Structures are given as structure tokens and as C-alpha cells.
Amino acid sequence: MAEGADEDLPKDAKVVKTLLKSMGVDEYEPRVVHQFLELMYRHAVDVLTDAQVYSEHAGKAVIDSDDLKLAIQSKVSFSFSPPPPREVLLELARSRNKIPLPKSISGHGIPLPPEQDTLISPNYQLAFPVNQTAHPVEETEDNEDGSDPNPASNQNPNLSQTRTDTTPETSQRVSFALGAKRPR
């Protein structure tokens, strides 16, 4: 940016640009400054809102420095939590690593854990209608206007020759295991 453009910027934007330059950031999009300003304003509003709540709870008419300190302290302690100490992580890793991994299923391809630890059990059912009474569809006489009620029958004569109906009351349920091999 040119020096003349920097003079038109608000004071807060100049501060953000100075901070970026002091951290060694020389190239950035102009929107970065606006995003930092929005973040700063949002943080300031959150802290002041919390300080106002603390002041009202204490029965004060105005916000004082103690309210601001408490609001900043609560915002920092709840927003930025440090990771647990290294000793805690090492103890957690030791206790977790004491549990052995399940034995794998031997075979071709990718090794899988035992079947009780996998999700390859049947998870769906298919309902096939059972053909108890199959009877041909009776041919109806032509309509009075002479048009064919099934125009597809003119294209393929085998389609309208015989058709069987199934009764929907009786059906057979079949389950398939997803991991099972198919017979050939």
C-alpha cells in the first residue's frame, strides 16, 4: 500500500498493521486487517458485557477495574485452556497401551478383527413374495374405441402373453451376512 493510503486508515487499523509488521508479516491481503479488527472488537464487547454483568451482580452503578480484571481473567481461563501436563499424558498412554489389540482374522486381503468386534453382521432384510397361486391374467375384450389398453404390448408381443400375479399377504424374509462368501 502507498503511504497516502495509510493516512486514511483508522487508528486501530494502523495498530494492527504495525503489529503485523513487527511480527515479520510483510505481505497479506487487505482483508486481514479488517478480520483482526472484527476479532478485537468482538473480544472487547464480550469482556465489557461480562464486566457489566459482574458489576450488576455486585450492586455497583458503574463498571470498575476489578470487574474488568475478573471478566478478562474468566475469558482467558475459559477460552484458552492449556494442554494437560506431559506426565498426565504419559500415564494415560501407559494405561491405554496395557490393553492388547484384538486378534485379527487370518485370510486374504485386509486383516480384520474378530467377527464379534466388526460391523459385518446382517443389517437388512429382503422380503420376497411367495408364489402360492399363480394364474394367467385373463384376456379382456378390446375397448369399444378400438385402442389397445397396453400400448407397450404392441412393441414386444412376449410381454402381454402371460403374466402371473402374486399374493402380497404371504412373503418370505431373507437375511444376508455382508461378510459371507457367495456360492458359485
C-alpha atoms as a PDB file:
ATOM      1  CA  MET A   1       0.000   0.000   0.000  1.00  0.00           C
ATOM      2  CA  ALA A   2       1.098   3.534  -0.542  1.00  0.00           C
ATOM      3  CA  GLU A   3       1.888   5.867   2.328  1.00  0.00           C
ATOM      4  CA  GLY A   4      -1.079   8.085   1.441  1.00  0.00           C
ATOM      5  CA  ALA A   5      -3.460   5.174   1.895  1.00  0.00           C
ATOM      6  CA  ASP A   6      -2.117   4.514   5.410  1.00  0.00           C
ATOM      7  CA  GLU A   7      -3.086   8.031   6.477  1.00  0.00           C
ATOM      8  CA  ASP A   8      -6.750   7.353   5.610  1.00  0.00           C
ATOM      9  CA  LEU A   9      -6.909   4.274   7.857  1.00  0.00           C
ATOM     10  CA  PRO A  10      -8.406   4.437  11.342  1.00  0.00           C
ATOM     11  CA  LYS A  11      -6.047   4.352  14.297  1.00  0.00           C
ATOM     12  CA  ASP A  12      -6.960   0.743  15.172  1.00  0.00           C
ATOM     13  CA  ALA A  13      -6.161  -0.434  11.645  1.00  0.00           C
ATOM     14  CA  LYS A  14      -2.792   1.288  11.817  1.00  0.00           C
ATOM     15  CA  VAL A  15      -2.097  -0.522  15.102  1.00  0.00           C
ATOM     16  CA  VAL A  16      -2.961  -3.878  13.501  1.00  0.00           C
ATOM     17  CA  LYS A  17      -0.682  -3.145  10.545  1.00  0.00           C
ATOM     18  CA  THR A  18       2.127  -2.172  12.924  1.00  0.00           C
ATOM     19  CA  LEU A  19       1.644  -5.407  14.878  1.00  0.00           C
ATOM     20  CA  LEU A  20       1.768  -7.471  11.700  1.00  0.00           C
ATOM     21  CA  LYS A  21       4.922  -5.685  10.563  1.00  0.00           C
ATOM     22  CA  SER A  22       6.578  -6.180  13.978  1.00  0.00           C
ATOM     23  CA  MET A  23       5.892  -9.923  13.735  1.00  0.00           C
ATOM     24  CA  GLY A  24       7.612 -10.098  10.336  1.00  0.00           C
ATOM     25  CA  VAL A  25       4.466 -10.307   8.202  1.00  0.00           C
ATOM     26  CA  ASP A  26       5.116  -8.085   5.206  1.00  0.00           C
ATOM     27  CA  GLU A  27       2.669  -9.466   2.637  1.00  0.00           C
ATOM     28  CA  TYR A  28      -1.032 -10.004   3.382  1.00  0.00           C
ATOM     29  CA  GLU A  29      -4.379  -9.243   1.865  1.00  0.00           C
ATOM     30  CA  PRO A  30      -6.098  -6.022   2.966  1.00  0.00           C
ATOM     31  CA  ARG A  31      -8.999  -8.075   4.353  1.00  0.00           C
ATOM     32  CA  VAL A  32      -6.684  -9.489   7.046  1.00  0.00           C
ATOM     33  CA  VAL A  33      -6.627  -6.110   8.800  1.00  0.00           C
ATOM     34  CA  HIS A  34     -10.439  -5.994   8.787  1.00  0.00           C
ATOM     35  CA  GLN A  35     -10.657  -9.536  10.164  1.00  0.00           C
ATOM     36  CA  PHE A  36      -8.287  -8.695  13.012  1.00  0.00           C
ATOM     37  CA  LEU A  37     -10.283  -5.548  13.782  1.00  0.00           C
ATOM     38  CA  GLU A  38     -13.514  -7.548  13.904  1.00  0.00           C
ATOM     39  CA  LEU A  39     -11.895 -10.083  16.224  1.00  0.00           C
ATOM     40  CA  MET A  40     -10.610  -7.338  18.518  1.00  0.00           C
ATOM     41  CA  TYR A  41     -13.974  -5.555  18.656  1.00  0.00           C
ATOM     42  CA  ARG A  42     -15.854  -8.787  19.343  1.00  0.00           C
ATOM     43  CA  HIS A  43     -13.444  -9.690  22.160  1.00  0.00           C
ATOM     44  CA  ALA A  44     -13.754  -6.208  23.669  1.00  0.00           C
ATOM     45  CA  VAL A  45     -17.567  -6.364  23.569  1.00  0.00           C
ATOM     46  CA  ASP A  46     -17.558  -9.808  25.216  1.00  0.00           C
ATOM     47  CA  VAL A  47     -15.238  -8.646  28.004  1.00  0.00           C
ATOM     48  CA  LEU A  48     -17.227  -5.455  28.627  1.00  0.00           C
ATOM     49  CA  THR A  49     -20.527  -7.377  28.650  1.00  0.00           C
ATOM     50  CA  ASP A  50     -19.138  -9.813  31.232  1.00  0.00           C
ATOM     51  CA  ALA A  51     -17.747  -6.920  33.298  1.00  0.00           C
ATOM     52  CA  GLN A  52     -21.177  -5.254  33.255  1.00  0.00           C
ATOM     53  CA  VAL A  53     -22.791  -8.488  34.499  1.00  0.00           C
ATOM     54  CA  TYR A  54     -20.232  -8.740  37.313  1.00  0.00           C
ATOM     55  CA  SER A  55     -20.779  -5.095  38.227  1.00  0.00           C
ATOM     56  CA  GLU A  56     -24.569  -5.515  38.352  1.00  0.00           C
ATOM     57  CA  HIS A  57     -24.192  -8.675  40.442  1.00  0.00           C
ATOM     58  CA  ALA A  58     -22.032  -6.769  42.938  1.00  0.00           C
ATOM     59  CA  GLY A  59     -24.646  -3.988  43.093  1.00  0.00           C
ATOM     60  CA  LYS A  60     -22.373  -1.314  41.613  1.00  0.00           C
ATOM     61  CA  ALA A  61     -23.651   1.508  39.458  1.00  0.00           C
ATOM     62  CA  VAL A  62     -20.575   1.641  37.189  1.00  0.00           C
ATOM     63  CA  ILE A  63     -18.002  -0.851  35.939  1.00  0.00           C
ATOM     64  CA  ASP A  64     -14.665  -0.558  37.748  1.00  0.00           C
ATOM     65  CA  SER A  65     -11.238  -2.072  37.130  1.00  0.00           C
ATOM     66  CA  ASP A  66     -11.939  -5.088  39.373  1.00  0.00           C
ATOM     67  CA  ASP A  67     -14.902  -6.042  37.190  1.00  0.00           C
ATOM     68  CA  LEU A  68     -12.773  -5.721  34.064  1.00  0.00           C
ATOM     69  CA  LYS A  69      -9.946  -7.803  35.586  1.00  0.00           C
ATOM     70  CA  LEU A  70     -12.404 -10.515  36.597  1.00  0.00           C
ATOM     71  CA  ALA A  71     -14.010 -10.530  33.127  1.00  0.00           C
ATOM     72  CA  ILE A  72     -10.625 -10.758  31.384  1.00  0.00           C
ATOM     73  CA  GLN A  73      -9.456 -13.480  33.763  1.00  0.00           C
ATOM     74  CA  SER A  74     -12.594 -15.562  33.220  1.00  0.00           C
ATOM     75  CA  LYS A  75     -12.418 -15.068  29.444  1.00  0.00           C
ATOM     76  CA  VAL A  76      -8.774 -16.193  29.335  1.00  0.00           C
ATOM     77  CA  SER A  77      -9.251 -19.152  31.663  1.00  0.00           C
ATOM     78  CA  PHE A  78     -12.271 -20.494  29.740  1.00  0.00           C
ATOM     79  CA  SER A  79     -11.212 -19.580  26.202  1.00  0.00           C
ATOM     80  CA  PHE A  80      -7.587 -20.638  26.201  1.00  0.00           C
ATOM     81  CA  SER A  81      -7.046 -23.879  28.091  1.00  0.00           C
ATOM     82  CA  PRO A  82      -3.505 -25.230  28.212  1.00  0.00           C
ATOM     83  CA  PRO A  83      -2.856 -28.875  27.350  1.00  0.00           C
ATOM     84  CA  PRO A  84      -2.522 -31.319  30.246  1.00  0.00           C
ATOM     85  CA  PRO A  85       0.951 -31.834  31.721  1.00  0.00           C
ATOM     86  CA  ARG A  86       3.251 -34.318  29.996  1.00  0.00           C
ATOM     87  CA  GLU A  87       3.190 -36.702  32.977  1.00  0.00           C
ATOM     88  CA  VAL A  88      -0.597 -36.987  32.787  1.00  0.00           C
ATOM     89  CA  LEU A  89      -0.452 -37.760  29.059  1.00  0.00           C
ATOM     90  CA  LEU A  90       2.271 -40.389  29.586  1.00  0.00           C
ATOM     91  CA  GLU A  91       0.276 -42.116  32.337  1.00  0.00           C
ATOM     92  CA  LEU A  92      -2.834 -42.091  30.160  1.00  0.00           C
ATOM     93  CA  ALA A  93      -0.850 -43.597  27.264  1.00  0.00           C
ATOM     94  CA  ARG A  94       0.615 -46.308  29.518  1.00  0.00           C
ATOM     95  CA  SER A  95      -2.799 -47.318  30.854  1.00  0.00           C
ATOM     96  CA  ARG A  96      -4.321 -47.366  27.368  1.00  0.00           C
ATOM     97  CA  ASN A  97      -1.440 -49.346  25.871  1.00  0.00           C
ATOM     98  CA  LYS A  98      -1.785 -52.080  28.529  1.00  0.00           C
ATOM     99  CA  ILE A  99      -4.978 -53.214  26.797  1.00  0.00           C
ATOM    100  CA  PRO A 100      -3.970 -55.541  23.922  1.00  0.00           C
ATOM    101  CA  LEU A 101      -5.397 -55.077  20.468  1.00  0.00           C
ATOM    102  CA  PRO A 102      -7.885 -57.747  19.287  1.00  0.00           C
ATOM    103  CA  LYS A 103      -6.513 -60.655  17.265  1.00  0.00           C
ATOM    104  CA  SER A 104      -7.027 -60.315  13.528  1.00  0.00           C
ATOM    105  CA  ILE A 105      -8.915 -62.710  11.282  1.00  0.00           C
ATOM    106  CA  SER A 106      -6.427 -64.547   9.092  1.00  0.00           C
ATOM    107  CA  GLY A 107      -7.112 -64.725   5.412  1.00  0.00           C
ATOM    108  CA  HIS A 108      -6.687 -62.897   2.153  1.00  0.00           C
ATOM    109  CA  GLY A 109      -6.827 -59.146   1.855  1.00  0.00           C
ATOM    110  CA  ILE A 110      -7.039 -56.658   4.675  1.00  0.00           C
ATOM    111  CA  PRO A 111      -6.734 -58.209   8.162  1.00  0.00           C
ATOM    112  CA  LEU A 112      -9.932 -57.719  10.154  1.00  0.00           C
ATOM    113  CA  PRO A 113     -10.588 -58.059  13.887  1.00  0.00           C
ATOM    114  CA  PRO A 114     -12.737 -60.935  15.208  1.00  0.00           C
ATOM    115  CA  GLU A 115     -16.323 -61.057  13.966  1.00  0.00           C
ATOM    116  CA  GLN A 116     -17.804 -60.013  17.324  1.00  0.00           C
ATOM    117  CA  ASP A 117     -15.776 -56.763  17.065  1.00  0.00           C
ATOM    118  CA  THR A 118     -16.817 -55.932  13.493  1.00  0.00           C
ATOM    119  CA  LEU A 119     -19.889 -54.419  11.921  1.00  0.00           C
ATOM    120  CA  ILE A 120     -20.391 -57.111   9.281  1.00  0.00           C
ATOM    121  CA  SER A 121     -23.483 -58.738  10.757  1.00  0.00           C
ATOM    122  CA  PRO A 122     -26.717 -58.712   8.725  1.00  0.00           C
ATOM    123  CA  ASN A 123     -28.134 -55.238   8.771  1.00  0.00           C
ATOM    124  CA  TYR A 124     -31.037 -55.526   6.370  1.00  0.00           C
ATOM    125  CA  GLN A 125     -33.781 -57.934   5.311  1.00  0.00           C
ATOM    126  CA  LEU A 126     -35.346 -58.572   1.951  1.00  0.00           C
ATOM    127  CA  ALA A 127     -38.970 -59.627   1.619  1.00  0.00           C
ATOM    128  CA  PHE A 128     -39.699 -61.844  -1.375  1.00  0.00           C
ATOM    129  CA  PRO A 129     -43.329 -62.674  -2.200  1.00  0.00           C
ATOM    130  CA  VAL A 130     -44.090 -66.379  -2.169  1.00  0.00           C
ATOM    131  CA  ASN A 131     -45.854 -67.672  -5.324  1.00  0.00           C
ATOM    132  CA  GLN A 132     -48.618 -69.847  -3.903  1.00  0.00           C
ATOM    133  CA  THR A 133     -51.227 -69.386  -6.560  1.00  0.00           C
ATOM    134  CA  ALA A 134     -50.067 -68.372  -9.989  1.00  0.00           C
ATOM    135  CA  HIS A 135     -52.750 -67.893 -12.611  1.00  0.00           C
ATOM    136  CA  PRO A 136     -52.630 -66.249 -16.021  1.00  0.00           C
ATOM    137  CA  VAL A 137     -54.249 -62.912 -16.474  1.00  0.00           C
ATOM    138  CA  GLU A 138     -57.449 -63.260 -18.388  1.00  0.00           C
ATOM    139  CA  GLU A 139     -57.556 -61.505 -21.671  1.00  0.00           C
ATOM    140  CA  THR A 140     -60.154 -58.743 -21.799  1.00  0.00           C
ATOM    141  CA  GLU A 141     -62.059 -57.864 -24.873  1.00  0.00           C
ATOM    142  CA  ASP A 142     -60.980 -54.838 -26.844  1.00  0.00           C
ATOM    143  CA  ASN A 143     -62.240 -51.476 -25.762  1.00  0.00           C
ATOM    144  CA  GLU A 144     -65.148 -50.021 -27.589  1.00  0.00           C
ATOM    145  CA  ASP A 145     -62.981 -47.336 -29.159  1.00  0.00           C
ATOM    146  CA  GLY A 146     -60.564 -49.951 -30.519  1.00  0.00           C
ATOM    147  CA  SER A 147     -57.479 -48.649 -28.712  1.00  0.00           C
ATOM    148  CA  ASP A 148     -55.056 -51.011 -27.025  1.00  0.00           C
ATOM    149  CA  PRO A 149     -55.120 -50.560 -23.209  1.00  0.00           C
ATOM    150  CA  ASN A 150     -51.456 -51.584 -23.061  1.00  0.00           C
ATOM    151  CA  PRO A 151     -49.549 -49.807 -25.835  1.00  0.00           C
ATOM    152  CA  ALA A 152     -46.276 -51.483 -24.803  1.00  0.00           C
ATOM    153  CA  SER A 153     -47.693 -54.853 -25.867  1.00  0.00           C
ATOM    154  CA  ASN A 154     -47.531 -53.750 -29.487  1.00  0.00           C
ATOM    155  CA  GLN A 155     -43.794 -53.247 -29.228  1.00  0.00           C
ATOM    156  CA  ASN A 156     -42.953 -56.587 -27.618  1.00  0.00           C
ATOM    157  CA  PRO A 157     -45.602 -59.323 -28.033  1.00  0.00           C
ATOM    158  CA  ASN A 158     -43.981 -61.551 -25.372  1.00  0.00           C
ATOM    159  CA  LEU A 159     -44.778 -59.058 -22.619  1.00  0.00           C
ATOM    160  CA  SER A 160     -48.552 -59.382 -22.760  1.00  0.00           C
ATOM    161  CA  GLN A 161     -48.800 -63.121 -23.427  1.00  0.00           C
ATOM    162  CA  THR A 162     -48.809 -64.421 -19.849  1.00  0.00           C
ATOM    163  CA  ARG A 163     -48.479 -62.659 -16.556  1.00  0.00           C
ATOM    164  CA  THR A 164     -48.617 -64.127 -13.069  1.00  0.00           C
ATOM    165  CA  ASP A 165     -49.925 -62.347 -10.022  1.00  0.00           C
ATOM    166  CA  THR A 166     -48.564 -62.943  -6.546  1.00  0.00           C
ATOM    167  CA  THR A 167     -50.455 -62.562  -3.357  1.00  0.00           C
ATOM    168  CA  PRO A 168     -48.895 -59.856  -1.186  1.00  0.00           C
ATOM    169  CA  GLU A 169     -50.240 -61.389   2.061  1.00  0.00           C
ATOM    170  CA  THR A 170     -47.559 -64.069   2.196  1.00  0.00           C
ATOM    171  CA  SER A 171     -43.900 -63.171   1.952  1.00  0.00           C
ATOM    172  CA  GLN A 172     -40.619 -64.744   2.890  1.00  0.00           C
ATOM    173  CA  ARG A 173     -37.910 -62.810   4.746  1.00  0.00           C
ATOM    174  CA  VAL A 174     -34.283 -63.447   3.851  1.00  0.00           C
ATOM    175  CA  SER A 175     -31.208 -62.041   5.632  1.00  0.00           C
ATOM    176  CA  PHE A 176     -27.729 -61.885   4.186  1.00  0.00           C
ATOM    177  CA  ALA A 177     -24.463 -61.573   6.085  1.00  0.00           C
ATOM    178  CA  LEU A 178     -22.325 -58.941   4.428  1.00  0.00           C
ATOM    179  CA  GLY A 179     -19.042 -60.754   5.107  1.00  0.00           C
ATOM    180  CA  ALA A 180     -20.136 -64.179   3.864  1.00  0.00           C
ATOM    181  CA  LYS A 181     -18.760 -65.674   0.649  1.00  0.00           C
ATOM    182  CA  ARG A 182     -21.174 -66.317  -2.184  1.00  0.00           C
ATOM    183  CA  PRO A 183     -21.512 -69.854  -3.561  1.00  0.00           C
ATOM    184  CA  ARG A 184     -20.519 -70.296  -7.203  1.00  0.00           C
END
